Amino acid sequence: RLRTVVCRHWLRDLCMKGAACEFLHQYDLSKMPLCRHGDRCKVKDCPFRHINEADRLECVFYSQGFCIHGPFCRYRHVRRERADLPHFLSGECPFGDGCHFAH
């Protein structure tokens, strides 16, 4: 398997997986993992990659109602108005408990 992202644990000299690790064990700025704080990072000289909030993919868990990672999620949390949700205006959802959106 091709290793494309630097191991977060290796950066802190804490990776226990050695050669079995699925992440890269060499310092390469172009392959650094994303910063958990994204474009809100305030750390001077942070070694992690920073991307604009608008360029991040949307979190499917948040869009379904809950994301366990909260503000530290690597994906974008998009707040929706109830009127923006499919079937909300009709008063009932044909998908019931199988719906991917929070009700």
PDB file of N, CA and C in Angstrom:
ATOM      1  N   ARG A   1       0.845  -1.188   0.000  1.00  0.00           N
ATOM      2  CA  ARG A   1       0.000   0.000   0.000  1.00  0.00           C
ATOM      3  C   ARG A   1       0.888   1.249   0.000  1.00  0.00           C
ATOM      4  N   LEU A   2       0.520   2.190  -0.827  1.00  0.00           N
ATOM      5  CA  LEU A   2       1.291   3.427  -0.949  1.00  0.00           C
ATOM      6  C   LEU A   2       0.970   4.360   0.219  1.00  0.00           C
ATOM      7  N   ARG A   3       1.972   4.770   0.930  1.00  0.00           N
ATOM      8  CA  ARG A   3       1.782   5.674   2.072  1.00  0.00           C
ATOM      9  C   ARG A   3       1.826   7.105   1.565  1.00  0.00           C
ATOM     10  N   THR A   4       0.728   7.829   1.754  1.00  0.00           N
ATOM     11  CA  THR A   4       0.625   9.173   1.180  1.00  0.00           C
ATOM     12  C   THR A   4       0.563  10.287   2.212  1.00  0.00           C
ATOM     13  N   VAL A   5       0.402   9.937   3.496  1.00  0.00           N
ATOM     14  CA  VAL A   5       0.293  10.946   4.554  1.00  0.00           C
ATOM     15  C   VAL A   5       1.258  10.599   5.681  1.00  0.00           C
ATOM     16  N   VAL A   6       1.940  11.603   6.195  1.00  0.00           N
ATOM     17  CA  VAL A   6       2.888  11.417   7.304  1.00  0.00           C
ATOM     18  C   VAL A   6       2.128  11.000   8.568  1.00  0.00           C
ATOM     19  N   CYS A   7       2.680  10.055   9.296  1.00  0.00           N
ATOM     20  CA  CYS A   7       2.075   9.532  10.527  1.00  0.00           C
ATOM     21  C   CYS A   7       2.140  10.583  11.640  1.00  0.00           C
ATOM     22  N   ARG A   8       0.985  10.912  12.210  1.00  0.00           N
ATOM     23  CA  ARG A   8       0.908  11.883  13.311  1.00  0.00           C
ATOM     24  C   ARG A   8       1.714  11.406  14.520  1.00  0.00           C
ATOM     25  N   HIS A   9       1.649  10.116  14.786  1.00  0.00           N
ATOM     26  CA  HIS A   9       2.334   9.568  15.960  1.00  0.00           C
ATOM     27  C   HIS A   9       3.849   9.530  15.744  1.00  0.00           C
ATOM     28  N   TRP A  10       4.269   9.230  14.515  1.00  0.00           N
ATOM     29  CA  TRP A  10       5.701   9.226  14.195  1.00  0.00           C
ATOM     30  C   TRP A  10       6.298  10.618  14.380  1.00  0.00           C
ATOM     31  N   LEU A  11       5.522  11.651  14.042  1.00  0.00           N
ATOM     32  CA  LEU A  11       6.003  13.026  14.208  1.00  0.00           C
ATOM     33  C   LEU A  11       6.373  13.325  15.661  1.00  0.00           C
ATOM     34  N   ARG A  12       5.679  12.663  16.600  1.00  0.00           N
ATOM     35  CA  ARG A  12       5.951  12.870  18.029  1.00  0.00           C
ATOM     36  C   ARG A  12       6.797  11.738  18.609  1.00  0.00           C
ATOM     37  N   ASP A  13       7.336  10.885  17.711  1.00  0.00           N
ATOM     38  CA  ASP A  13       8.151   9.736  18.105  1.00  0.00           C
ATOM     39  C   ASP A  13       7.366   8.771  18.988  1.00  0.00           C
ATOM     40  N   LEU A  14       6.072   8.587  18.670  1.00  0.00           N
ATOM     41  CA  LEU A  14       5.215   7.733  19.484  1.00  0.00           C
ATOM     42  C   LEU A  14       4.581   6.583  18.710  1.00  0.00           C
ATOM     43  N   CYS A  15       4.914   6.409  17.432  1.00  0.00           N
ATOM     44  CA  CYS A  15       4.291   5.348  16.647  1.00  0.00           C
ATOM     45  C   CYS A  15       4.847   3.993  17.067  1.00  0.00           C
ATOM     46  N   MET A  16       3.942   3.082  17.412  1.00  0.00           N
ATOM     47  CA  MET A  16       4.324   1.750  17.874  1.00  0.00           C
ATOM     48  C   MET A  16       4.269   0.719  16.745  1.00  0.00           C
ATOM     49  N   LYS A  17       3.785   1.113  15.572  1.00  0.00           N
ATOM     50  CA  LYS A  17       3.559   0.148  14.494  1.00  0.00           C
ATOM     51  C   LYS A  17       4.785  -0.117  13.628  1.00  0.00           C
ATOM     52  N   GLY A  18       5.746   0.773  13.664  1.00  0.00           N
ATOM     53  CA  GLY A  18       6.960   0.580  12.871  1.00  0.00           C
ATOM     54  C   GLY A  18       6.668   0.407  11.393  1.00  0.00           C
ATOM     55  N   ALA A  19       7.270  -0.620  10.766  1.00  0.00           N
ATOM     56  CA  ALA A  19       7.103  -0.865   9.331  1.00  0.00           C
ATOM     57  C   ALA A  19       5.672  -1.257   8.974  1.00  0.00           C
ATOM     58  N   ALA A  20       4.883  -1.707   9.947  1.00  0.00           N
ATOM     59  CA  ALA A  20       3.497  -2.106   9.689  1.00  0.00           C
ATOM     60  C   ALA A  20       2.546  -0.909   9.643  1.00  0.00           C
ATOM     61  N   CYS A  21       3.033   0.265   9.977  1.00  0.00           N
ATOM     62  CA  CYS A  21       2.186   1.461   9.994  1.00  0.00           C
ATOM     63  C   CYS A  21       1.731   1.795   8.579  1.00  0.00           C
ATOM     64  N   GLU A  22       0.459   2.157   8.449  1.00  0.00           N
ATOM     65  CA  GLU A  22      -0.102   2.489   7.140  1.00  0.00           C
ATOM     66  C   GLU A  22       0.223   3.916   6.706  1.00  0.00           C
ATOM     67  N   PHE A  23       0.909   4.660   7.571  1.00  0.00           N
ATOM     68  CA  PHE A  23       1.266   6.039   7.260  1.00  0.00           C
ATOM     69  C   PHE A  23       2.772   6.176   7.034  1.00  0.00           C
ATOM     70  N   LEU A  24       3.152   7.269   6.430  1.00  0.00           N
ATOM     71  CA  LEU A  24       4.530   7.551   6.051  1.00  0.00           C
ATOM     72  C   LEU A  24       5.377   7.920   7.268  1.00  0.00           C
ATOM     73  N   HIS A  25       6.558   7.339   7.361  1.00  0.00           N
ATOM     74  CA  HIS A  25       7.489   7.644   8.450  1.00  0.00           C
ATOM     75  C   HIS A  25       8.689   8.408   7.910  1.00  0.00           C
ATOM     76  N   GLN A  26       8.425   9.544   7.318  1.00  0.00           N
ATOM     77  CA  GLN A  26       9.479  10.468   6.898  1.00  0.00           C
ATOM     78  C   GLN A  26       8.860  11.853   6.829  1.00  0.00           C
ATOM     79  N   TYR A  27       9.658  12.847   7.101  1.00  0.00           N
ATOM     80  CA  TYR A  27       9.168  14.221   7.147  1.00  0.00           C
ATOM     81  C   TYR A  27       9.080  14.759   5.726  1.00  0.00           C
ATOM     82  N   ASP A  28       7.860  15.007   5.272  1.00  0.00           N
ATOM     83  CA  ASP A  28       7.625  15.518   3.925  1.00  0.00           C
ATOM     84  C   ASP A  28       6.506  16.553   4.018  1.00  0.00           C
ATOM     85  N   LEU A  29       6.853  17.826   3.865  1.00  0.00           N
ATOM     86  CA  LEU A  29       5.864  18.904   4.018  1.00  0.00           C
ATOM     87  C   LEU A  29       4.663  18.753   3.101  1.00  0.00           C
ATOM     88  N   SER A  30       4.863  18.198   1.914  1.00  0.00           N
ATOM     89  CA  SER A  30       3.752  18.056   0.970  1.00  0.00           C
ATOM     90  C   SER A  30       2.801  16.931   1.350  1.00  0.00           C
ATOM     91  N   LYS A  31       3.212  16.091   2.312  1.00  0.00           N
ATOM     92  CA  LYS A  31       2.381  14.952   2.710  1.00  0.00           C
ATOM     93  C   LYS A  31       1.980  14.998   4.183  1.00  0.00           C
ATOM     94  N   MET A  32       2.044  16.175   4.764  1.00  0.00           N
ATOM     95  CA  MET A  32       1.674  16.313   6.172  1.00  0.00           C
ATOM     96  C   MET A  32       0.174  16.104   6.337  1.00  0.00           C
ATOM     97  N   PRO A  33      -0.257  15.547   7.479  1.00  0.00           N
ATOM     98  CA  PRO A  33      -1.691  15.398   7.724  1.00  0.00           C
ATOM     99  C   PRO A  33      -2.341  16.765   7.934  1.00  0.00           C
ATOM    100  N   LEU A  34      -3.663  16.799   7.810  1.00  0.00           N
ATOM    101  CA  LEU A  34      -4.395  18.047   8.012  1.00  0.00           C
ATOM    102  C   LEU A  34      -4.373  18.451   9.478  1.00  0.00           C
ATOM    103  N   CYS A  35      -4.279  19.731   9.716  1.00  0.00           N
ATOM    104  CA  CYS A  35      -4.351  20.271  11.076  1.00  0.00           C
ATOM    105  C   CYS A  35      -5.775  20.093  11.589  1.00  0.00           C
ATOM    106  N   ARG A  36      -5.918  19.636  12.810  1.00  0.00           N
ATOM    107  CA  ARG A  36      -7.247  19.427  13.400  1.00  0.00           C
ATOM    108  C   ARG A  36      -8.030  20.726  13.528  1.00  0.00           C
ATOM    109  N   HIS A  37      -7.339  21.847  13.564  1.00  0.00           N
ATOM    110  CA  HIS A  37      -8.005  23.135  13.739  1.00  0.00           C
ATOM    111  C   HIS A  37      -8.284  23.828  12.415  1.00  0.00           C
ATOM    112  N   GLY A  38      -7.809  23.254  11.322  1.00  0.00           N
ATOM    113  CA  GLY A  38      -8.063  23.803   9.994  1.00  0.00           C
ATOM    114  C   GLY A  38      -7.584  25.235   9.856  1.00  0.00           C
ATOM    115  N   ASP A  39      -8.398  26.052   9.199  1.00  0.00           N
ATOM    116  CA  ASP A  39      -7.994  27.445   8.985  1.00  0.00           C
ATOM    117  C   ASP A  39      -8.168  28.296  10.238  1.00  0.00           C
ATOM    118  N   ARG A  40      -8.655  27.689  11.344  1.00  0.00           N
ATOM    119  CA  ARG A  40      -8.789  28.406  12.620  1.00  0.00           C
ATOM    120  C   ARG A  40      -7.540  28.251  13.486  1.00  0.00           C
ATOM    121  N   CYS A  41      -6.539  27.538  12.990  1.00  0.00           N
ATOM    122  CA  CYS A  41      -5.319  27.272  13.759  1.00  0.00           C
ATOM    123  C   CYS A  41      -4.593  28.575  14.089  1.00  0.00           C
ATOM    124  N   LYS A  42      -4.187  28.703  15.341  1.00  0.00           N
ATOM    125  CA  LYS A  42      -3.470  29.895  15.807  1.00  0.00           C
ATOM    126  C   LYS A  42      -2.014  29.584  16.155  1.00  0.00           C
ATOM    127  N   VAL A  43      -1.581  28.342  15.913  1.00  0.00           N
ATOM    128  CA  VAL A  43      -0.231  27.925  16.278  1.00  0.00           C
ATOM    129  C   VAL A  43       0.771  28.441  15.251  1.00  0.00           C
ATOM    130  N   LYS A  44       1.702  29.252  15.726  1.00  0.00           N
ATOM    131  CA  LYS A  44       2.737  29.777  14.836  1.00  0.00           C
ATOM    132  C   LYS A  44       3.622  28.616  14.384  1.00  0.00           C
ATOM    133  N   ASP A  45       3.927  28.557  13.108  1.00  0.00           N
ATOM    134  CA  ASP A  45       4.767  27.506  12.520  1.00  0.00           C
ATOM    135  C   ASP A  45       4.186  26.101  12.706  1.00  0.00           C
ATOM    136  N   CYS A  46       2.874  25.983  12.677  1.00  0.00           N
ATOM    137  CA  CYS A  46       2.230  24.668  12.775  1.00  0.00           C
ATOM    138  C   CYS A  46       2.696  23.816  11.587  1.00  0.00           C
ATOM    139  N   PRO A  47       3.190  22.593  11.843  1.00  0.00           N
ATOM    140  CA  PRO A  47       3.721  21.772  10.751  1.00  0.00           C
ATOM    141  C   PRO A  47       2.650  21.097   9.895  1.00  0.00           C
ATOM    142  N   PHE A  48       1.399  21.138  10.344  1.00  0.00           N
ATOM    143  CA  PHE A  48       0.338  20.445   9.621  1.00  0.00           C
ATOM    144  C   PHE A  48      -0.230  21.294   8.486  1.00  0.00           C
ATOM    145  N   ARG A  49      -0.897  20.633   7.534  1.00  0.00           N
ATOM    146  CA  ARG A  49      -1.497  21.340   6.405  1.00  0.00           C
ATOM    147  C   ARG A  49      -2.782  22.025   6.845  1.00  0.00           C
ATOM    148  N   HIS A  50      -3.027  23.194   6.289  1.00  0.00           N
ATOM    149  CA  HIS A  50      -4.232  23.961   6.592  1.00  0.00           C
ATOM    150  C   HIS A  50      -4.990  24.207   5.301  1.00  0.00           C
ATOM    151  N   ILE A  51      -6.279  23.903   5.318  1.00  0.00           N
ATOM    152  CA  ILE A  51      -7.092  24.169   4.140  1.00  0.00           C
ATOM    153  C   ILE A  51      -8.236  25.082   4.526  1.00  0.00           C
ATOM    154  N   ASN A  52      -8.704  25.810   3.560  1.00  0.00           N
ATOM    155  CA  ASN A  52      -9.813  26.730   3.760  1.00  0.00           C
ATOM    156  C   ASN A  52     -11.065  25.945   4.152  1.00  0.00           C
ATOM    157  N   GLU A  53     -11.827  26.453   5.084  1.00  0.00           N
ATOM    158  CA  GLU A  53     -13.054  25.808   5.561  1.00  0.00           C
ATOM    159  C   GLU A  53     -13.984  25.440   4.408  1.00  0.00           C
ATOM    160  N   ALA A  54     -14.112  26.316   3.439  1.00  0.00           N
ATOM    161  CA  ALA A  54     -15.039  26.085   2.324  1.00  0.00           C
ATOM    162  C   ALA A  54     -14.583  24.938   1.426  1.00  0.00           C
ATOM    163  N   ASP A  55     -13.302  24.590   1.462  1.00  0.00           N
ATOM    164  CA  ASP A  55     -12.779  23.521   0.609  1.00  0.00           C
ATOM    165  C   ASP A  55     -12.904  22.132   1.237  1.00  0.00           C
ATOM    166  N   ARG A  56     -13.245  22.067   2.526  1.00  0.00           N
ATOM    167  CA  ARG A  56     -13.370  20.771   3.200  1.00  0.00           C
ATOM    168  C   ARG A  56     -14.659  20.076   2.793  1.00  0.00           C
ATOM    169  N   LEU A  57     -14.636  18.761   2.751  1.00  0.00           N
ATOM    170  CA  LEU A  57     -15.838  17.991   2.448  1.00  0.00           C
ATOM    171  C   LEU A  57     -16.817  18.092   3.610  1.00  0.00           C
ATOM    172  N   GLU A  58     -18.089  17.954   3.308  1.00  0.00           N
ATOM    173  CA  GLU A  58     -19.121  18.035   4.347  1.00  0.00           C
ATOM    174  C   GLU A  58     -19.162  16.743   5.159  1.00  0.00           C
ATOM    175  N   CYS A  59     -19.333  16.868   6.462  1.00  0.00           N
ATOM    176  CA  CYS A  59     -19.414  15.720   7.374  1.00  0.00           C
ATOM    177  C   CYS A  59     -20.786  15.053   7.238  1.00  0.00           C
ATOM    178  N   VAL A  60     -20.796  13.789   6.836  1.00  0.00           N
ATOM    179  CA  VAL A  60     -22.075  13.094   6.670  1.00  0.00           C
ATOM    180  C   VAL A  60     -22.737  12.831   8.018  1.00  0.00           C
ATOM    181  N   PHE A  61     -21.950  12.629   9.060  1.00  0.00           N
ATOM    182  CA  PHE A  61     -22.525  12.364  10.374  1.00  0.00           C
ATOM    183  C   PHE A  61     -23.231  13.605  10.924  1.00  0.00           C
ATOM    184  N   TYR A  62     -22.608  14.763  10.766  1.00  0.00           N
ATOM    185  CA  TYR A  62     -23.231  16.004  11.233  1.00  0.00           C
ATOM    186  C   TYR A  62     -24.515  16.275  10.449  1.00  0.00           C
ATOM    187  N   SER A  63     -24.485  16.015   9.147  1.00  0.00           N
ATOM    188  CA  SER A  63     -25.674  16.266   8.330  1.00  0.00           C
ATOM    189  C   SER A  63     -26.812  15.323   8.699  1.00  0.00           C
ATOM    190  N   GLN A  64     -26.471  14.178   9.332  1.00  0.00           N
ATOM    191  CA  GLN A  64     -27.489  13.231   9.772  1.00  0.00           C
ATOM    192  C   GLN A  64     -27.942  13.508  11.200  1.00  0.00           C
ATOM    193  N   GLY A  65     -27.297  14.474  11.854  1.00  0.00           N
ATOM    194  CA  GLY A  65     -27.759  14.859  13.177  1.00  0.00           C
ATOM    195  C   GLY A  65     -26.709  14.957  14.259  1.00  0.00           C
ATOM    196  N   PHE A  66     -25.591  14.185  14.162  1.00  0.00           N
ATOM    197  CA  PHE A  66     -24.617  14.221  15.253  1.00  0.00           C
ATOM    198  C   PHE A  66     -23.253  13.731  14.780  1.00  0.00           C
ATOM    199  N   CYS A  67     -22.211  14.447  15.180  1.00  0.00           N
ATOM    200  CA  CYS A  67     -20.831  14.041  14.892  1.00  0.00           C
ATOM    201  C   CYS A  67     -20.080  13.989  16.212  1.00  0.00           C
ATOM    202  N   ILE A  68     -19.482  12.846  16.526  1.00  0.00           N
ATOM    203  CA  ILE A  68     -18.785  12.687  17.808  1.00  0.00           C
ATOM    204  C   ILE A  68     -17.529  13.540  17.909  1.00  0.00           C
ATOM    205  N   HIS A  69     -17.012  14.016  16.772  1.00  0.00           N
ATOM    206  CA  HIS A  69     -15.779  14.804  16.789  1.00  0.00           C
ATOM    207  C   HIS A  69     -16.007  16.284  17.061  1.00  0.00           C
ATOM    208  N   GLY A  70     -17.244  16.731  16.966  1.00  0.00           N
ATOM    209  CA  GLY A  70     -17.569  18.128  17.256  1.00  0.00           C
ATOM    210  C   GLY A  70     -16.715  19.105  16.467  1.00  0.00           C
ATOM    211  N   PRO A  71     -16.219  20.174  17.106  1.00  0.00           N
ATOM    212  CA  PRO A  71     -15.451  21.196  16.389  1.00  0.00           C
ATOM    213  C   PRO A  71     -14.086  20.710  15.899  1.00  0.00           C
ATOM    214  N   PHE A  72     -13.650  19.541  16.339  1.00  0.00           N
ATOM    215  CA  PHE A  72     -12.358  19.015  15.906  1.00  0.00           C
ATOM    216  C   PHE A  72     -12.480  18.066  14.718  1.00  0.00           C
ATOM    217  N   CYS A  73     -13.675  17.937  14.178  1.00  0.00           N
ATOM    218  CA  CYS A  73     -13.894  17.070  13.020  1.00  0.00           C
ATOM    219  C   CYS A  73     -13.116  17.601  11.824  1.00  0.00           C
ATOM    220  N   ARG A  74     -12.542  16.692  11.059  1.00  0.00           N
ATOM    221  CA  ARG A  74     -11.773  17.108   9.880  1.00  0.00           C
ATOM    222  C   ARG A  74     -12.682  17.512   8.727  1.00  0.00           C
ATOM    223  N   TYR A  75     -13.979  17.220   8.852  1.00  0.00           N
ATOM    224  CA  TYR A  75     -14.940  17.575   7.814  1.00  0.00           C
ATOM    225  C   TYR A  75     -15.755  18.798   8.225  1.00  0.00           C
ATOM    226  N   ARG A  76     -16.363  19.439   7.261  1.00  0.00           N
ATOM    227  CA  ARG A  76     -17.099  20.683   7.491  1.00  0.00           C
ATOM    228  C   ARG A  76     -18.488  20.378   8.055  1.00  0.00           C
ATOM    229  N   HIS A  77     -18.870  21.113   9.085  1.00  0.00           N
ATOM    230  CA  HIS A  77     -20.205  20.990   9.668  1.00  0.00           C
ATOM    231  C   HIS A  77     -21.076  22.113   9.128  1.00  0.00           C
ATOM    232  N   VAL A  78     -22.093  21.735   8.367  1.00  0.00           N
ATOM    233  CA  VAL A  78     -22.972  22.702   7.719  1.00  0.00           C
ATOM    234  C   VAL A  78     -24.306  22.720   8.448  1.00  0.00           C
ATOM    235  N   ARG A  79     -24.647  23.879   9.016  1.00  0.00           N
ATOM    236  CA  ARG A  79     -25.943  24.018   9.692  1.00  0.00           C
ATOM    237  C   ARG A  79     -27.013  24.251   8.645  1.00  0.00           C
ATOM    238  N   ARG A  80     -28.088  23.524   8.757  1.00  0.00           N
ATOM    239  CA  ARG A  80     -29.186  23.659   7.805  1.00  0.00           C
ATOM    240  C   ARG A  80     -30.440  24.134   8.523  1.00  0.00           C
ATOM    241  N   GLU A  81     -31.182  24.955   7.832  1.00  0.00           N
ATOM    242  CA  GLU A  81     -32.499  25.347   8.333  1.00  0.00           C
ATOM    243  C   GLU A  81     -33.444  24.179   8.072  1.00  0.00           C
ATOM    244  N   ARG A  82     -34.415  24.003   8.919  1.00  0.00           N
ATOM    245  CA  ARG A  82     -35.365  22.900   8.734  1.00  0.00           C
ATOM    246  C   ARG A  82     -36.027  22.946   7.355  1.00  0.00           C
ATOM    247  N   ALA A  83     -36.288  24.140   6.858  1.00  0.00           N
ATOM    248  CA  ALA A  83     -36.945  24.269   5.558  1.00  0.00           C
ATOM    249  C   ALA A  83     -36.053  23.765   4.425  1.00  0.00           C
ATOM    250  N   ASP A  84     -34.739  23.688   4.654  1.00  0.00           N
ATOM    251  CA  ASP A  84     -33.823  23.198   3.627  1.00  0.00           C
ATOM    252  C   ASP A  84     -33.803  21.676   3.546  1.00  0.00           C
ATOM    253  N   LEU A  85     -34.354  21.006   4.542  1.00  0.00           N
ATOM    254  CA  LEU A  85     -34.320  19.550   4.560  1.00  0.00           C
ATOM    255  C   LEU A  85     -35.431  18.984   3.682  1.00  0.00           C
ATOM    256  N   PRO A  86     -35.128  17.944   2.919  1.00  0.00           N
ATOM    257  CA  PRO A  86     -36.152  17.350   2.065  1.00  0.00           C
ATOM    258  C   PRO A  86     -37.340  16.855   2.884  1.00  0.00           C
ATOM    259  N   HIS A  87     -38.506  16.993   2.358  1.00  0.00           N
ATOM    260  CA  HIS A  87     -39.762  16.494   2.926  1.00  0.00           C
ATOM    261  C   HIS A  87     -40.217  17.224   4.188  1.00  0.00           C
ATOM    262  N   PHE A  88     -39.458  18.198   4.690  1.00  0.00           N
ATOM    263  CA  PHE A  88     -39.848  18.870   5.930  1.00  0.00           C
ATOM    264  C   PHE A  88     -41.131  19.668   5.756  1.00  0.00           C
ATOM    265  N   LEU A  89     -41.245  20.377   4.657  1.00  0.00           N
ATOM    266  CA  LEU A  89     -42.423  21.214   4.447  1.00  0.00           C
ATOM    267  C   LEU A  89     -43.690  20.398   4.280  1.00  0.00           C
ATOM    268  N   SER A  90     -43.575  19.157   3.812  1.00  0.00           N
ATOM    269  CA  SER A  90     -44.770  18.330   3.625  1.00  0.00           C
ATOM    270  C   SER A  90     -45.291  17.790   4.949  1.00  0.00           C
ATOM    271  N   GLY A  91     -44.479  17.855   5.993  1.00  0.00           N
ATOM    272  CA  GLY A  91     -44.933  17.416   7.309  1.00  0.00           C
ATOM    273  C   GLY A  91     -44.635  15.966   7.626  1.00  0.00           C
ATOM    274  N   GLU A  92     -44.257  15.182   6.642  1.00  0.00           N
ATOM    275  CA  GLU A  92     -43.897  13.799   6.936  1.00  0.00           C
ATOM    276  C   GLU A  92     -42.798  13.328   5.995  1.00  0.00           C
ATOM    277  N   CYS A  93     -41.994  12.433   6.499  1.00  0.00           N
ATOM    278  CA  CYS A  93     -40.868  11.927   5.723  1.00  0.00           C
ATOM    279  C   CYS A  93     -41.164  10.482   5.318  1.00  0.00           C
ATOM    280  N   PRO A  94     -41.106  10.167   4.041  1.00  0.00           N
ATOM    281  CA  PRO A  94     -41.401   8.805   3.604  1.00  0.00           C
ATOM    282  C   PRO A  94     -40.346   7.782   4.029  1.00  0.00           C
ATOM    283  N   PHE A  95     -39.194   8.251   4.510  1.00  0.00           N
ATOM    284  CA  PHE A  95     -38.124   7.331   4.886  1.00  0.00           C
ATOM    285  C   PHE A  95     -38.185   6.902   6.351  1.00  0.00           C
ATOM    286  N   GLY A  96     -38.985   7.592   7.155  1.00  0.00           N
ATOM    287  CA  GLY A  96     -39.139   7.230   8.564  1.00  0.00           C
ATOM    288  C   GLY A  96     -37.817   7.138   9.298  1.00  0.00           C
ATOM    289  N   ASP A  97     -37.622   6.050  10.060  1.00  0.00           N
ATOM    290  CA  ASP A  97     -36.394   5.860  10.837  1.00  0.00           C
ATOM    291  C   ASP A  97     -35.172   5.646   9.951  1.00  0.00           C
ATOM    292  N   GLY A  98     -35.382   5.314   8.691  1.00  0.00           N
ATOM    293  CA  GLY A  98     -34.269   5.093   7.776  1.00  0.00           C
ATOM    294  C   GLY A  98     -33.751   6.365   7.130  1.00  0.00           C
ATOM    295  N   CYS A  99     -34.339   7.509   7.477  1.00  0.00           N
ATOM    296  CA  CYS A  99     -33.927   8.780   6.884  1.00  0.00           C
ATOM    297  C   CYS A  99     -32.537   9.168   7.379  1.00  0.00           C
ATOM    298  N   HIS A 100     -31.758   9.754   6.483  1.00  0.00           N
ATOM    299  CA  HIS A 100     -30.394  10.164   6.829  1.00  0.00           C
ATOM    300  C   HIS A 100     -30.341  11.527   7.507  1.00  0.00           C
ATOM    301  N   PHE A 101     -31.461  12.223   7.582  1.00  0.00           N
ATOM    302  CA  PHE A 101     -31.485  13.548   8.185  1.00  0.00           C
ATOM    303  C   PHE A 101     -32.095  13.491   9.581  1.00  0.00           C
ATOM    304  N   ALA A 102     -31.683  14.414  10.447  1.00  0.00           N
ATOM    305  CA  ALA A 102     -32.247  14.500  11.796  1.00  0.00           C
ATOM    306  C   ALA A 102     -33.644  15.099  11.708  1.00  0.00           C
ATOM    307  N   HIS A 103     -34.559  14.594  12.511  1.00  0.00           N
ATOM    308  CA  HIS A 103     -35.939  15.095  12.544  1.00  0.00           C
ATOM    309  C   HIS A 103     -36.250  15.633  13.921  1.00  0.00           C
TER     310      HIS A 103
END
